[in-house]
């Protein structure tokens, strides 16, 4: 009898096969467990080795370098179209802003060009009219001489100031004097390097007054003469009115140039109120001056050109 038969005979062949199968299953289970443990140990050793190498080396290992390079390449691939899109949106916004600004500037340039053409046309027309009338100069022609206020006496604050230009600069007696806002007075005394200006606000009744005119809203002209100044209301008084009706509050008042010394068209102020006589006709016109007589630093002498 063979050895195998002697082993299995007491148990029978079926029981022997079951016993052998159980032994094999336990063997394979233990083998898989051993393999798993070995893999875990090897992984732990590799991780520890990698950390040790990374801490001891100035540069990462080759595998890590390759991983980092791959990750960086992916980032660049993704970031390139995103950055490109951002740049395109920014460029589009800048382009739209530039277009809007260009349209606005173009409108201003067109407007300036129109005004320039209009001004040139009026100058040519004015020149032709002068040639037809055989006039070299008109009442509105004058030269500008800028000067600063040197002194202003407190005792004559409302009456006069002394300016820094005289005969050496071409200043002449009775020339009109302007501030940056409007008419302020007239030259009454001329020296070599300075001149005395009598203000419109003077209380001197014998002052040489300005010939003026009111430009009404219905395009009518009312001539008159500045005859005084009301210190209480700060209004100029315009008398000797040629037309008694048609004036309204807010109408502009300018010099008429009819006095012979001042040019035409210098801004004096606006109509504040109209005083009527017993017949309902205008007898006096109160004018709100355009200039501030209490604040004079720099003035312009309007030298009429005859």
C-alpha atoms as a PDB file:
ATOM      1  CA  UNK A   1       0.000   0.000   0.000  1.00  0.00           C
ATOM      2  CA  UNK A   2       1.327   3.404  -0.891  1.00  0.00           C
ATOM      3  CA  UNK A   3       2.073   6.155   1.675  1.00  0.00           C
ATOM      4  CA  UNK A   4      -0.777   8.414   0.580  1.00  0.00           C
ATOM      5  CA  UNK A   5      -3.264   5.678   0.945  1.00  0.00           C
ATOM      6  CA  UNK A   6      -2.017   4.964   4.433  1.00  0.00           C
ATOM      7  CA  UNK A   7      -2.535   8.677   5.379  1.00  0.00           C
ATOM      8  CA  UNK A   8      -6.015   9.204   3.949  1.00  0.00           C
ATOM      9  CA  UNK A   9      -7.448   5.771   4.557  1.00  0.00           C
ATOM     10  CA  UNK A  10      -8.375   6.325   8.233  1.00  0.00           C
ATOM     11  CA  UNK A  11     -10.288   9.606   7.290  1.00  0.00           C
ATOM     12  CA  UNK A  12     -11.512   8.789   3.854  1.00  0.00           C
ATOM     13  CA  UNK A  13     -10.635  10.543   0.599  1.00  0.00           C
ATOM     14  CA  UNK A  14     -13.296  13.269   0.834  1.00  0.00           C
ATOM     15  CA  UNK A  15     -12.215  14.430   4.237  1.00  0.00           C
ATOM     16  CA  UNK A  16      -8.631  14.446   3.071  1.00  0.00           C
ATOM     17  CA  UNK A  17      -9.398  16.690   0.114  1.00  0.00           C
ATOM     18  CA  UNK A  18     -11.356  19.140   2.348  1.00  0.00           C
ATOM     19  CA  UNK A  19      -8.467  19.260   4.754  1.00  0.00           C
ATOM     20  CA  UNK A  20      -5.938  19.922   2.003  1.00  0.00           C
ATOM     21  CA  UNK A  21      -8.154  22.699   0.471  1.00  0.00           C
ATOM     22  CA  UNK A  22      -8.411  24.488   3.831  1.00  0.00           C
ATOM     23  CA  UNK A  23      -4.660  24.320   4.239  1.00  0.00           C
ATOM     24  CA  UNK A  24      -4.138  25.831   0.763  1.00  0.00           C
ATOM     25  CA  UNK A  25      -6.642  28.664   1.413  1.00  0.00           C
ATOM     26  CA  UNK A  26      -4.885  29.573   4.636  1.00  0.00           C
ATOM     27  CA  UNK A  27      -1.568  29.488   2.849  1.00  0.00           C
ATOM     28  CA  UNK A  28      -2.700  31.813   0.049  1.00  0.00           C
ATOM     29  CA  UNK A  29      -4.414  34.188   2.541  1.00  0.00           C
ATOM     30  CA  UNK A  30      -1.263  34.403   4.599  1.00  0.00           C
ATOM     31  CA  UNK A  31       0.752  34.926   1.405  1.00  0.00           C
ATOM     32  CA  UNK A  32      -1.406  37.909   0.325  1.00  0.00           C
ATOM     33  CA  UNK A  33      -1.139  39.382   3.811  1.00  0.00           C
ATOM     34  CA  UNK A  34       2.620  39.032   3.705  1.00  0.00           C
ATOM     35  CA  UNK A  35       2.752  40.700   0.275  1.00  0.00           C
ATOM     36  CA  UNK A  36       0.631  43.625   1.510  1.00  0.00           C
ATOM     37  CA  UNK A  37       2.844  44.088   4.528  1.00  0.00           C
ATOM     38  CA  UNK A  38       5.976  43.995   2.385  1.00  0.00           C
ATOM     39  CA  UNK A  39       4.536  46.605  -0.005  1.00  0.00           C
ATOM     40  CA  UNK A  40       3.595  48.895   2.901  1.00  0.00           C
ATOM     41  CA  UNK A  41       7.059  48.571   4.415  1.00  0.00           C
ATOM     42  CA  UNK A  42       8.744  49.283   1.077  1.00  0.00           C
ATOM     43  CA  UNK A  43       6.454  52.347   0.543  1.00  0.00           C
ATOM     44  CA  UNK A  44       7.243  53.678   3.995  1.00  0.00           C
ATOM     45  CA  UNK A  45      10.955  53.229   3.386  1.00  0.00           C
ATOM     46  CA  UNK A  46      10.721  55.036   0.018  1.00  0.00           C
ATOM     47  CA  UNK A  47       8.789  57.964   1.534  1.00  0.00           C
ATOM     48  CA  UNK A  48      11.285  58.272   4.374  1.00  0.00           C
ATOM     49  CA  UNK A  49      14.163  58.064   1.927  1.00  0.00           C
ATOM     50  CA  UNK A  50      12.594  60.729  -0.296  1.00  0.00           C
ATOM     51  CA  UNK A  51      12.129  63.099   2.637  1.00  0.00           C
ATOM     52  CA  UNK A  52      15.686  62.529   3.793  1.00  0.00           C
ATOM     53  CA  UNK A  53      17.079  63.141   0.313  1.00  0.00           C
ATOM     54  CA  UNK A  54      14.966  66.283  -0.118  1.00  0.00           C
ATOM     55  CA  UNK A  55      16.183  67.725   3.169  1.00  0.00           C
ATOM     56  CA  UNK A  56      19.813  66.931   2.461  1.00  0.00           C
ATOM     57  CA  UNK A  57      19.975  68.060  -1.160  1.00  0.00           C
ATOM     58  CA  UNK A  58      19.821  71.558  -2.555  1.00  0.00           C
ATOM     59  CA  UNK A  59      17.814  70.353  -5.546  1.00  0.00           C
ATOM     60  CA  UNK A  60      14.881  67.867  -5.570  1.00  0.00           C
ATOM     61  CA  UNK A  61      15.373  64.338  -6.926  1.00  0.00           C
ATOM     62  CA  UNK A  62      14.933  63.602 -10.604  1.00  0.00           C
ATOM     63  CA  UNK A  63      11.424  62.162 -10.244  1.00  0.00           C
ATOM     64  CA  UNK A  64      10.293  65.151  -8.221  1.00  0.00           C
ATOM     65  CA  UNK A  65      11.876  67.516 -10.724  1.00  0.00           C
ATOM     66  CA  UNK A  66      10.030  65.823 -13.540  1.00  0.00           C
ATOM     67  CA  UNK A  67       6.769  66.069 -11.593  1.00  0.00           C
ATOM     68  CA  UNK A  68       7.338  69.731 -10.824  1.00  0.00           C
ATOM     69  CA  UNK A  69       8.202  70.494 -14.451  1.00  0.00           C
ATOM     70  CA  UNK A  70       5.074  68.681 -15.641  1.00  0.00           C
ATOM     71  CA  UNK A  71       2.910  70.585 -13.152  1.00  0.00           C
ATOM     72  CA  UNK A  72       4.504  73.892 -14.193  1.00  0.00           C
ATOM     73  CA  UNK A  73       3.896  73.107 -17.847  1.00  0.00           C
ATOM     74  CA  UNK A  74       0.246  72.359 -17.154  1.00  0.00           C
ATOM     75  CA  UNK A  75      -0.079  75.635 -15.250  1.00  0.00           C
ATOM     76  CA  UNK A  76       1.430  77.558 -18.143  1.00  0.00           C
ATOM     77  CA  UNK A  77      -0.825  75.838 -20.662  1.00  0.00           C
ATOM     78  CA  UNK A  78      -3.899  76.710 -18.598  1.00  0.00           C
ATOM     79  CA  UNK A  79      -2.732  80.228 -17.660  1.00  0.00           C
ATOM     80  CA  UNK A  80      -1.790  81.281 -21.205  1.00  0.00           C
ATOM     81  CA  UNK A  81      -5.335  81.412 -22.647  1.00  0.00           C
ATOM     82  CA  UNK A  82      -6.689  82.874 -19.393  1.00  0.00           C
ATOM     83  CA  UNK A  83      -4.098  85.657 -19.407  1.00  0.00           C
ATOM     84  CA  UNK A  84      -4.681  86.154 -23.097  1.00  0.00           C
ATOM     85  CA  UNK A  85      -8.404  86.541 -22.485  1.00  0.00           C
ATOM     86  CA  UNK A  86      -7.778  89.038 -19.694  1.00  0.00           C
ATOM     87  CA  UNK A  87      -5.430  91.017 -21.911  1.00  0.00           C
ATOM     88  CA  UNK A  88      -7.939  90.976 -24.753  1.00  0.00           C
ATOM     89  CA  UNK A  89     -10.701  92.257 -22.455  1.00  0.00           C
ATOM     90  CA  UNK A  90      -8.427  95.009 -21.115  1.00  0.00           C
ATOM     91  CA  UNK A  91      -7.393  96.001 -24.635  1.00  0.00           C
ATOM     92  CA  UNK A  92     -11.025  96.084 -25.737  1.00  0.00           C
ATOM     93  CA  UNK A  93     -11.960  98.302 -22.784  1.00  0.00           C
ATOM     94  CA  UNK A  94      -9.038 100.646 -23.521  1.00  0.00           C
ATOM     95  CA  UNK A  95     -10.061 100.727 -27.164  1.00  0.00           C
ATOM     96  CA  UNK A  96     -13.644 101.688 -26.286  1.00  0.00           C
ATOM     97  CA  UNK A  97     -12.431 104.403 -23.903  1.00  0.00           C
ATOM     98  CA  UNK A  98     -10.075 105.727 -26.562  1.00  0.00           C
ATOM     99  CA  UNK A  99     -12.884 105.723 -29.106  1.00  0.00           C
ATOM    100  CA  UNK A 100     -15.197 107.676 -26.781  1.00  0.00           C
ATOM    101  CA  UNK A 101     -12.471 110.187 -25.967  1.00  0.00           C
ATOM    102  CA  UNK A 102     -11.638 110.527 -29.638  1.00  0.00           C
ATOM    103  CA  UNK A 103     -15.285 111.217 -30.509  1.00  0.00           C
ATOM    104  CA  UNK A 104     -15.506 113.869 -27.781  1.00  0.00           C
ATOM    105  CA  UNK A 105     -12.285 115.570 -28.879  1.00  0.00           C
ATOM    106  CA  UNK A 106     -13.388 115.374 -32.501  1.00  0.00           C
ATOM    107  CA  UNK A 107     -16.597 117.187 -31.582  1.00  0.00           C
ATOM    108  CA  UNK A 108     -14.597 119.912 -29.826  1.00  0.00           C
ATOM    109  CA  UNK A 109     -12.224 120.235 -32.770  1.00  0.00           C
ATOM    110  CA  UNK A 110     -15.160 120.525 -35.158  1.00  0.00           C
ATOM    111  CA  UNK A 111     -16.731 123.184 -32.959  1.00  0.00           C
ATOM    112  CA  UNK A 112     -13.454 125.121 -32.736  1.00  0.00           C
ATOM    113  CA  UNK A 113     -12.983 124.850 -36.472  1.00  0.00           C
ATOM    114  CA  UNK A 114     -16.486 126.216 -37.029  1.00  0.00           C
ATOM    115  CA  UNK A 115     -15.887 129.133 -34.672  1.00  0.00           C
ATOM    116  CA  UNK A 116     -12.528 129.843 -36.315  1.00  0.00           C
ATOM    117  CA  UNK A 117     -14.071 129.920 -39.777  1.00  0.00           C
ATOM    118  CA  UNK A 118     -16.863 132.173 -38.499  1.00  0.00           C
ATOM    119  CA  UNK A 119     -14.346 134.536 -36.900  1.00  0.00           C
ATOM    120  CA  UNK A 120     -12.233 134.672 -40.053  1.00  0.00           C
ATOM    121  CA  UNK A 121     -15.340 135.362 -42.135  1.00  0.00           C
ATOM    122  CA  UNK A 122     -16.398 138.218 -39.858  1.00  0.00           C
ATOM    123  CA  UNK A 123     -12.908 139.710 -39.973  1.00  0.00           C
ATOM    124  CA  UNK A 124     -12.849 139.629 -43.771  1.00  0.00           C
ATOM    125  CA  UNK A 125     -16.335 141.117 -43.914  1.00  0.00           C
ATOM    126  CA  UNK A 126     -15.373 143.861 -41.470  1.00  0.00           C
ATOM    127  CA  UNK A 127     -12.265 144.636 -43.480  1.00  0.00           C
ATOM    128  CA  UNK A 128     -14.260 144.925 -46.710  1.00  0.00           C
ATOM    129  CA  UNK A 129     -16.805 147.205 -45.034  1.00  0.00           C
ATOM    130  CA  UNK A 130     -14.014 149.450 -43.783  1.00  0.00           C
ATOM    131  CA  UNK A 131     -12.521 149.598 -47.259  1.00  0.00           C
ATOM    132  CA  UNK A 132     -15.899 150.510 -48.751  1.00  0.00           C
ATOM    133  CA  UNK A 133     -16.387 153.235 -46.133  1.00  0.00           C
ATOM    134  CA  UNK A 134     -12.744 154.276 -46.520  1.00  0.00           C
ATOM    135  CA  UNK A 135     -12.181 153.857 -42.790  1.00  0.00           C
ATOM    136  CA  UNK A 136      -8.900 152.677 -41.337  1.00  0.00           C
ATOM    137  CA  UNK A 137     -10.188 152.592 -37.764  1.00  0.00           C
ATOM    138  CA  UNK A 138     -13.544 152.282 -35.996  1.00  0.00           C
ATOM    139  CA  UNK A 139     -14.902 153.231 -32.583  1.00  0.00           C
ATOM    140  CA  UNK A 140     -14.245 149.705 -31.311  1.00  0.00           C
ATOM    141  CA  UNK A 141     -10.506 149.733 -32.077  1.00  0.00           C
ATOM    142  CA  UNK A 142      -8.200 150.204 -29.088  1.00  0.00           C
ATOM    143  CA  UNK A 143      -4.826 149.130 -27.730  1.00  0.00           C
ATOM    144  CA  UNK A 144      -4.442 147.360 -24.379  1.00  0.00           C
ATOM    145  CA  UNK A 145      -1.886 148.483 -21.812  1.00  0.00           C
ATOM    146  CA  UNK A 146      -1.704 146.299 -18.704  1.00  0.00           C
ATOM    147  CA  UNK A 147      -0.780 147.844 -15.366  1.00  0.00           C
ATOM    148  CA  UNK A 148      -0.863 147.072 -11.674  1.00  0.00           C
ATOM    149  CA  UNK A 149      -2.366 149.238  -8.930  1.00  0.00           C
ATOM    150  CA  UNK A 150       0.400 150.948  -6.959  1.00  0.00           C
ATOM    151  CA  UNK A 151      -1.452 152.957  -4.320  1.00  0.00           C
ATOM    152  CA  UNK A 152      -4.977 153.627  -3.135  1.00  0.00           C
ATOM    153  CA  UNK A 153      -5.475 156.255  -0.489  1.00  0.00           C
ATOM    154  CA  UNK A 154      -7.953 155.356   2.270  1.00  0.00           C
ATOM    155  CA  UNK A 155      -9.236 158.936   2.278  1.00  0.00           C
ATOM    156  CA  UNK A 156     -10.065 158.674  -1.426  1.00  0.00           C
ATOM    157  CA  UNK A 157     -10.822 154.930  -1.592  1.00  0.00           C
ATOM    158  CA  UNK A 158     -13.928 155.336  -3.757  1.00  0.00           C
ATOM    159  CA  UNK A 159     -12.436 158.080  -5.918  1.00  0.00           C
ATOM    160  CA  UNK A 160      -9.074 157.120  -7.392  1.00  0.00           C
ATOM    161  CA  UNK A 161      -6.096 154.749  -7.649  1.00  0.00           C
ATOM    162  CA  UNK A 162      -2.550 155.113  -8.997  1.00  0.00           C
ATOM    163  CA  UNK A 163      -1.347 152.584 -11.592  1.00  0.00           C
ATOM    164  CA  UNK A 164       2.159 151.540 -12.678  1.00  0.00           C
ATOM    165  CA  UNK A 165       2.082 152.779 -16.306  1.00  0.00           C
ATOM    166  CA  UNK A 166       2.505 156.337 -17.642  1.00  0.00           C
ATOM    167  CA  UNK A 167       3.353 158.257 -20.769  1.00  0.00           C
ATOM    168  CA  UNK A 168       6.443 156.132 -21.428  1.00  0.00           C
ATOM    169  CA  UNK A 169       4.125 153.171 -21.935  1.00  0.00           C
ATOM    170  CA  UNK A 170       1.734 155.120 -24.183  1.00  0.00           C
ATOM    171  CA  UNK A 171      -0.933 155.978 -21.579  1.00  0.00           C
ATOM    172  CA  UNK A 172      -2.960 159.067 -22.423  1.00  0.00           C
ATOM    173  CA  UNK A 173      -5.303 161.242 -20.419  1.00  0.00           C
ATOM    174  CA  UNK A 174      -9.041 160.344 -20.486  1.00  0.00           C
ATOM    175  CA  UNK A 175      -8.303 156.774 -21.627  1.00  0.00           C
ATOM    176  CA  UNK A 176     -10.756 154.207 -20.260  1.00  0.00           C
ATOM    177  CA  UNK A 177      -9.517 151.727 -17.644  1.00  0.00           C
ATOM    178  CA  UNK A 178     -10.836 148.154 -17.338  1.00  0.00           C
ATOM    179  CA  UNK A 179     -10.572 145.387 -14.779  1.00  0.00           C
ATOM    180  CA  UNK A 180     -10.893 141.753 -15.821  1.00  0.00           C
ATOM    181  CA  UNK A 181     -14.681 142.030 -15.327  1.00  0.00           C
ATOM    182  CA  UNK A 182     -15.595 145.445 -16.713  1.00  0.00           C
ATOM    183  CA  UNK A 183     -15.091 149.222 -16.844  1.00  0.00           C
ATOM    184  CA  UNK A 184     -13.701 150.817 -13.661  1.00  0.00           C
ATOM    185  CA  UNK A 185     -12.756 154.399 -14.545  1.00  0.00           C
ATOM    186  CA  UNK A 186     -10.771 156.878 -16.579  1.00  0.00           C
ATOM    187  CA  UNK A 187      -7.190 158.253 -16.652  1.00  0.00           C
ATOM    188  CA  UNK A 188      -7.198 161.793 -15.214  1.00  0.00           C
ATOM    189  CA  UNK A 189      -3.466 162.413 -14.713  1.00  0.00           C
ATOM    190  CA  UNK A 190      -0.483 161.012 -16.626  1.00  0.00           C
ATOM    191  CA  UNK A 191       3.131 160.995 -15.393  1.00  0.00           C
ATOM    192  CA  UNK A 192       6.190 159.386 -16.932  1.00  0.00           C
ATOM    193  CA  UNK A 193       5.957 156.070 -15.083  1.00  0.00           C
ATOM    194  CA  UNK A 194       2.546 156.146 -13.410  1.00  0.00           C
ATOM    195  CA  UNK A 195      -0.950 157.494 -13.878  1.00  0.00           C
ATOM    196  CA  UNK A 196      -3.957 158.420 -11.753  1.00  0.00           C
ATOM    197  CA  UNK A 197      -7.294 156.735 -12.405  1.00  0.00           C
ATOM    198  CA  UNK A 198     -10.621 158.273 -11.422  1.00  0.00           C
ATOM    199  CA  UNK A 199     -13.083 155.489 -10.600  1.00  0.00           C
ATOM    200  CA  UNK A 200     -16.702 155.266 -11.663  1.00  0.00           C
ATOM    201  CA  UNK A 201     -17.562 155.096  -7.965  1.00  0.00           C
ATOM    202  CA  UNK A 202     -16.194 158.603  -7.373  1.00  0.00           C
ATOM    203  CA  UNK A 203     -18.240 161.094  -5.378  1.00  0.00           C
ATOM    204  CA  UNK A 204     -16.823 163.963  -7.422  1.00  0.00           C
ATOM    205  CA  UNK A 205     -19.766 165.599  -9.142  1.00  0.00           C
ATOM    206  CA  UNK A 206     -17.502 167.310 -11.684  1.00  0.00           C
ATOM    207  CA  UNK A 207     -16.028 164.053 -12.927  1.00  0.00           C
ATOM    208  CA  UNK A 208     -15.920 163.465 -16.647  1.00  0.00           C
ATOM    209  CA  UNK A 209     -18.577 160.779 -17.116  1.00  0.00           C
ATOM    210  CA  UNK A 210     -18.863 158.031 -19.755  1.00  0.00           C
ATOM    211  CA  UNK A 211     -21.266 157.987 -22.662  1.00  0.00           C
ATOM    212  CA  UNK A 212     -23.095 154.653 -22.507  1.00  0.00           C
ATOM    213  CA  UNK A 213     -25.883 152.736 -24.172  1.00  0.00           C
ATOM    214  CA  UNK A 214     -28.307 150.008 -23.126  1.00  0.00           C
ATOM    215  CA  UNK A 215     -28.610 146.974 -25.413  1.00  0.00           C
ATOM    216  CA  UNK A 216     -32.251 145.937 -25.020  1.00  0.00           C
ATOM    217  CA  UNK A 217     -33.618 142.456 -25.611  1.00  0.00           C
ATOM    218  CA  UNK A 218     -35.606 143.653 -28.618  1.00  0.00           C
ATOM    219  CA  UNK A 219     -32.362 144.854 -30.264  1.00  0.00           C
ATOM    220  CA  UNK A 220     -32.992 148.532 -29.590  1.00  0.00           C
ATOM    221  CA  UNK A 221     -30.262 150.899 -28.389  1.00  0.00           C
ATOM    222  CA  UNK A 222     -30.847 153.416 -25.608  1.00  0.00           C
ATOM    223  CA  UNK A 223     -28.114 156.055 -25.253  1.00  0.00           C
ATOM    224  CA  UNK A 224     -27.352 157.909 -22.071  1.00  0.00           C
ATOM    225  CA  UNK A 225     -24.633 159.132 -19.740  1.00  0.00           C
ATOM    226  CA  UNK A 226     -23.281 157.879 -16.425  1.00  0.00           C
ATOM    227  CA  UNK A 227     -24.127 160.775 -14.135  1.00  0.00           C
ATOM    228  CA  UNK A 228     -23.411 159.433 -10.661  1.00  0.00           C
ATOM    229  CA  UNK A 229     -22.918 156.599  -8.226  1.00  0.00           C
ATOM    230  CA  UNK A 230     -25.146 155.411  -5.377  1.00  0.00           C
ATOM    231  CA  UNK A 231     -22.837 154.137  -2.626  1.00  0.00           C
ATOM    232  CA  UNK A 232     -25.712 152.670  -0.619  1.00  0.00           C
ATOM    233  CA  UNK A 233     -26.935 150.345  -3.366  1.00  0.00           C
ATOM    234  CA  UNK A 234     -23.587 150.163  -5.230  1.00  0.00           C
ATOM    235  CA  UNK A 235     -25.388 151.160  -8.444  1.00  0.00           C
ATOM    236  CA  UNK A 236     -24.216 153.500 -11.184  1.00  0.00           C
ATOM    237  CA  UNK A 237     -26.780 156.087 -12.208  1.00  0.00           C
ATOM    238  CA  UNK A 238     -27.428 156.563 -15.917  1.00  0.00           C
ATOM    239  CA  UNK A 239     -29.248 159.744 -16.961  1.00  0.00           C
ATOM    240  CA  UNK A 240     -29.923 161.890 -20.039  1.00  0.00           C
ATOM    241  CA  UNK A 241     -31.698 158.927 -21.640  1.00  0.00           C
ATOM    242  CA  UNK A 242     -32.634 159.341 -25.289  1.00  0.00           C
ATOM    243  CA  UNK A 243     -35.406 156.698 -25.302  1.00  0.00           C
ATOM    244  CA  UNK A 244     -37.789 156.448 -22.362  1.00  0.00           C
ATOM    245  CA  UNK A 245     -39.203 152.939 -22.865  1.00  0.00           C
ATOM    246  CA  UNK A 246     -38.165 149.412 -23.782  1.00  0.00           C
ATOM    247  CA  UNK A 247     -35.547 148.775 -21.085  1.00  0.00           C
ATOM    248  CA  UNK A 248     -35.742 145.770 -18.751  1.00  0.00           C
ATOM    249  CA  UNK A 249     -33.805 144.422 -15.803  1.00  0.00           C
ATOM    250  CA  UNK A 250     -30.766 142.477 -16.987  1.00  0.00           C
ATOM    251  CA  UNK A 251     -30.176 144.451 -20.197  1.00  0.00           C
ATOM    252  CA  UNK A 252     -26.455 144.929 -20.831  1.00  0.00           C
ATOM    253  CA  UNK A 253     -24.853 148.385 -20.634  1.00  0.00           C
ATOM    254  CA  UNK A 254     -21.737 149.240 -22.658  1.00  0.00           C
ATOM    255  CA  UNK A 255     -19.775 152.330 -23.626  1.00  0.00           C
ATOM    256  CA  UNK A 256     -21.086 153.984 -26.772  1.00  0.00           C
ATOM    257  CA  UNK A 257     -17.787 155.517 -27.909  1.00  0.00           C
ATOM    258  CA  UNK A 258     -19.563 158.812 -28.568  1.00  0.00           C
ATOM    259  CA  UNK A 259     -17.594 160.721 -25.954  1.00  0.00           C
ATOM    260  CA  UNK A 260     -14.519 160.839 -28.162  1.00  0.00           C
ATOM    261  CA  UNK A 261     -12.045 159.353 -25.638  1.00  0.00           C
ATOM    262  CA  UNK A 262     -13.208 155.810 -24.837  1.00  0.00           C
ATOM    263  CA  UNK A 263     -13.767 153.039 -27.384  1.00  0.00           C
ATOM    264  CA  UNK A 264     -17.164 151.544 -28.043  1.00  0.00           C
ATOM    265  CA  UNK A 265     -18.267 148.235 -26.561  1.00  0.00           C
ATOM    266  CA  UNK A 266     -16.537 148.232 -23.140  1.00  0.00           C
ATOM    267  CA  UNK A 267     -18.711 146.322 -20.677  1.00  0.00           C
ATOM    268  CA  UNK A 268     -20.127 148.520 -17.917  1.00  0.00           C
ATOM    269  CA  UNK A 269     -22.770 146.322 -16.257  1.00  0.00           C
ATOM    270  CA  UNK A 270     -26.468 145.401 -16.373  1.00  0.00           C
ATOM    271  CA  UNK A 271     -29.711 147.264 -15.771  1.00  0.00           C
ATOM    272  CA  UNK A 272     -30.784 146.793 -12.138  1.00  0.00           C
ATOM    273  CA  UNK A 273     -33.924 148.933 -12.167  1.00  0.00           C
ATOM    274  CA  UNK A 274     -35.566 151.747 -14.109  1.00  0.00           C
ATOM    275  CA  UNK A 275     -36.915 154.821 -12.322  1.00  0.00           C
ATOM    276  CA  UNK A 276     -39.896 156.447 -14.005  1.00  0.00           C
ATOM    277  CA  UNK A 277     -41.113 160.029 -13.883  1.00  0.00           C
ATOM    278  CA  UNK A 278     -44.674 161.213 -13.241  1.00  0.00           C
ATOM    279  CA  UNK A 279     -45.648 160.346 -16.800  1.00  0.00           C
ATOM    280  CA  UNK A 280     -44.475 156.741 -16.594  1.00  0.00           C
ATOM    281  CA  UNK A 281     -41.391 157.370 -18.699  1.00  0.00           C
ATOM    282  CA  UNK A 282     -37.875 156.379 -17.720  1.00  0.00           C
ATOM    283  CA  UNK A 283     -35.905 159.173 -16.134  1.00  0.00           C
ATOM    284  CA  UNK A 284     -33.038 157.257 -14.546  1.00  0.00           C
ATOM    285  CA  UNK A 285     -31.536 153.812 -15.033  1.00  0.00           C
ATOM    286  CA  UNK A 286     -29.671 152.149 -12.189  1.00  0.00           C
ATOM    287  CA  UNK A 287     -26.833 149.985 -13.454  1.00  0.00           C
ATOM    288  CA  UNK A 288     -25.209 147.177 -11.488  1.00  0.00           C
ATOM    289  CA  UNK A 289     -21.476 147.509 -12.328  1.00  0.00           C
ATOM    290  CA  UNK A 290     -19.699 144.452 -13.704  1.00  0.00           C
ATOM    291  CA  UNK A 291     -16.427 145.363 -11.966  1.00  0.00           C
ATOM    292  CA  UNK A 292     -15.738 145.215  -8.240  1.00  0.00           C
ATOM    293  CA  UNK A 293     -14.356 148.641  -7.300  1.00  0.00           C
ATOM    294  CA  UNK A 294     -13.167 147.400  -3.909  1.00  0.00           C
ATOM    295  CA  UNK A 295     -10.888 144.727  -5.372  1.00  0.00           C
ATOM    296  CA  UNK A 296      -8.470 146.169  -7.928  1.00  0.00           C
ATOM    297  CA  UNK A 297      -5.002 144.685  -8.342  1.00  0.00           C
ATOM    298  CA  UNK A 298      -4.408 144.589 -12.089  1.00  0.00           C
ATOM    299  CA  UNK A 299      -6.090 146.805 -14.686  1.00  0.00           C
ATOM    300  CA  UNK A 300      -5.976 147.391 -18.437  1.00  0.00           C
ATOM    301  CA  UNK A 301      -5.842 150.801 -20.061  1.00  0.00           C
ATOM    302  CA  UNK A 302      -7.974 150.847 -23.239  1.00  0.00           C
ATOM    303  CA  UNK A 303      -6.151 153.347 -25.457  1.00  0.00           C
ATOM    304  CA  UNK A 304      -8.455 154.311 -28.281  1.00  0.00           C
ATOM    305  CA  UNK A 305      -6.926 154.231 -31.757  1.00  0.00           C
ATOM    306  CA  UNK A 306      -8.060 157.206 -33.897  1.00  0.00           C
END
